[in-house]
Amino acid sequence: VISNHNYDNHETEVDIFNTYNQLLACRIIRTARIVLLVLYIPIFFGLDVLKR
């Protein structure tokens, strides 16, 4: 009974950890997308100006 109880606790910890990792990954992806967009716009306009 004790071993089962510990196993349940461990599973709960893993679920919390996985959920936290998913949230973290979403936040990192969202931040990276914004950063890339901010970096991409000046580069795009810079190339456009160079073409002229």
N, C-alpha and C. Protein backbone atom coordinates (compact mmCIF):
# COMPACT_ATOMS: atom_id res chain seq x y z
N VAL A 1 0.85 -1.20 0.00
CA VAL A 1 0.00 0.00 0.00
C VAL A 1 0.88 1.25 0.00
N ILE A 2 1.96 1.23 0.80
CA ILE A 2 2.86 2.38 0.89
C ILE A 2 3.54 2.61 -0.47
N SER A 3 3.99 1.53 -1.12
CA SER A 3 4.67 1.65 -2.40
C SER A 3 3.72 2.24 -3.45
N ASN A 4 2.46 1.80 -3.44
CA ASN A 4 1.47 2.34 -4.38
C ASN A 4 1.25 3.83 -4.14
N HIS A 5 1.20 4.20 -2.86
CA HIS A 5 0.98 5.60 -2.50
C HIS A 5 2.14 6.46 -3.01
N ASN A 6 3.36 5.98 -2.81
CA ASN A 6 4.53 6.71 -3.30
C ASN A 6 4.51 6.82 -4.82
N TYR A 7 4.09 5.76 -5.47
CA TYR A 7 4.03 5.75 -6.93
C TYR A 7 3.03 6.80 -7.43
N ASP A 8 1.89 6.88 -6.75
CA ASP A 8 0.87 7.88 -7.11
C ASP A 8 1.43 9.29 -6.95
N ASN A 9 2.13 9.52 -5.85
CA ASN A 9 2.72 10.84 -5.62
C ASN A 9 3.72 11.17 -6.71
N HIS A 10 4.51 10.18 -7.07
CA HIS A 10 5.52 10.38 -8.11
C HIS A 10 4.85 10.73 -9.44
N GLU A 11 3.78 10.04 -9.77
CA GLU A 11 3.05 10.31 -11.02
C GLU A 11 2.50 11.73 -11.03
N THR A 12 1.98 12.16 -9.88
CA THR A 12 1.44 13.52 -9.78
C THR A 12 2.55 14.54 -10.00
N GLU A 13 3.71 14.30 -9.40
CA GLU A 13 4.85 15.20 -9.57
C GLU A 13 5.26 15.26 -11.04
N VAL A 14 5.26 14.12 -11.70
CA VAL A 14 5.63 14.06 -13.12
C VAL A 14 4.63 14.85 -13.95
N ASP A 15 3.33 14.71 -13.65
CA ASP A 15 2.30 15.45 -14.38
C ASP A 15 2.50 16.95 -14.23
N ILE A 16 2.76 17.39 -12.99
CA ILE A 16 2.99 18.81 -12.72
C ILE A 16 4.21 19.28 -13.49
N PHE A 17 5.26 18.48 -13.47
CA PHE A 17 6.51 18.80 -14.16
C PHE A 17 6.29 18.92 -15.67
N ASN A 18 5.54 17.96 -16.24
CA ASN A 18 5.25 17.97 -17.68
C ASN A 18 4.43 19.19 -18.06
N THR A 19 3.43 19.53 -17.25
CA THR A 19 2.58 20.70 -17.51
C THR A 19 3.43 21.95 -17.47
N TYR A 20 4.32 22.05 -16.48
CA TYR A 20 5.20 23.21 -16.34
C TYR A 20 6.11 23.33 -17.56
N ASN A 21 6.65 22.18 -18.01
CA ASN A 21 7.54 22.18 -19.18
C ASN A 21 6.80 22.63 -20.43
N GLN A 22 5.54 22.20 -20.58
CA GLN A 22 4.74 22.60 -21.75
C GLN A 22 4.50 24.10 -21.73
N LEU A 23 4.18 24.65 -20.55
CA LEU A 23 3.95 26.09 -20.43
C LEU A 23 5.24 26.85 -20.75
N LEU A 24 6.35 26.33 -20.24
CA LEU A 24 7.65 26.96 -20.46
C LEU A 24 7.99 26.94 -21.95
N ALA A 25 7.77 25.80 -22.59
CA ALA A 25 8.05 25.65 -24.02
C ALA A 25 7.20 26.62 -24.84
N CYS A 26 5.92 26.74 -24.49
CA CYS A 26 5.03 27.67 -25.20
C CYS A 26 5.53 29.09 -25.05
N ARG A 27 5.94 29.44 -23.84
CA ARG A 27 6.42 30.80 -23.58
C ARG A 27 7.70 31.07 -24.37
N ILE A 28 8.62 30.09 -24.40
CA ILE A 28 9.89 30.25 -25.12
C ILE A 28 9.62 30.40 -26.62
N ILE A 29 8.72 29.56 -27.15
CA ILE A 29 8.39 29.61 -28.59
C ILE A 29 7.77 30.96 -28.93
N ARG A 30 6.86 31.42 -28.07
CA ARG A 30 6.20 32.70 -28.32
C ARG A 30 7.21 33.85 -28.29
N THR A 31 8.10 33.82 -27.29
CA THR A 31 9.13 34.86 -27.16
C THR A 31 10.07 34.82 -28.36
N ALA A 32 10.48 33.62 -28.75
CA ALA A 32 11.40 33.46 -29.89
C ALA A 32 10.76 33.99 -31.16
N ARG A 33 9.46 33.73 -31.33
CA ARG A 33 8.75 34.19 -32.52
C ARG A 33 8.73 35.71 -32.59
N ILE A 34 8.47 36.34 -31.44
CA ILE A 34 8.44 37.81 -31.37
C ILE A 34 9.82 38.38 -31.67
N VAL A 35 10.85 37.77 -31.06
CA VAL A 35 12.23 38.23 -31.27
C VAL A 35 12.61 38.10 -32.75
N LEU A 36 12.28 36.96 -33.35
CA LEU A 36 12.59 36.74 -34.77
C LEU A 36 11.87 37.75 -35.64
N LEU A 37 10.62 38.03 -35.30
CA LEU A 37 9.83 39.00 -36.07
C LEU A 37 10.47 40.38 -35.97
N VAL A 38 10.85 40.77 -34.75
CA VAL A 38 11.46 42.09 -34.52
C VAL A 38 12.80 42.19 -35.26
N LEU A 39 13.56 41.09 -35.28
CA LEU A 39 14.84 41.08 -35.99
C LEU A 39 14.63 41.02 -37.50
N TYR A 40 13.59 40.31 -37.92
CA TYR A 40 13.36 40.07 -39.35
C TYR A 40 12.91 41.34 -40.07
N ILE A 41 12.08 42.14 -39.42
CA ILE A 41 11.53 43.35 -40.06
C ILE A 41 12.63 44.32 -40.49
N PRO A 42 13.57 44.71 -39.62
CA PRO A 42 14.64 45.62 -40.05
C PRO A 42 15.51 45.01 -41.15
N ILE A 43 15.79 43.70 -41.05
CA ILE A 43 16.60 43.02 -42.07
C ILE A 43 15.88 43.06 -43.41
N PHE A 44 14.57 42.78 -43.37
CA PHE A 44 13.76 42.78 -44.59
C PHE A 44 13.75 44.16 -45.23
N PHE A 45 13.51 45.19 -44.42
CA PHE A 45 13.50 46.56 -44.94
C PHE A 45 14.89 46.98 -45.41
N GLY A 46 15.92 46.52 -44.69
CA GLY A 46 17.29 46.83 -45.06
C GLY A 46 17.63 46.26 -46.43
N LEU A 47 17.22 45.01 -46.68
CA LEU A 47 17.45 44.38 -47.99
C LEU A 47 16.66 45.11 -49.06
N ASP A 48 15.45 45.52 -48.72
CA ASP A 48 14.59 46.24 -49.67
C ASP A 48 15.26 47.55 -50.09
N VAL A 49 15.85 48.24 -49.11
CA VAL A 49 16.54 49.51 -49.38
C VAL A 49 17.79 49.26 -50.23
N LEU A 50 18.52 48.16 -49.93
CA LEU A 50 19.73 47.83 -50.68
C LEU A 50 19.42 47.52 -52.15
N LYS A 51 18.26 46.89 -52.39
CA LYS A 51 17.88 46.55 -53.76
C LYS A 51 17.67 47.81 -54.60
N ARG A 52 17.17 48.85 -53.99
CA ARG A 52 16.99 50.12 -54.70
C ARG A 52 18.36 50.74 -54.93
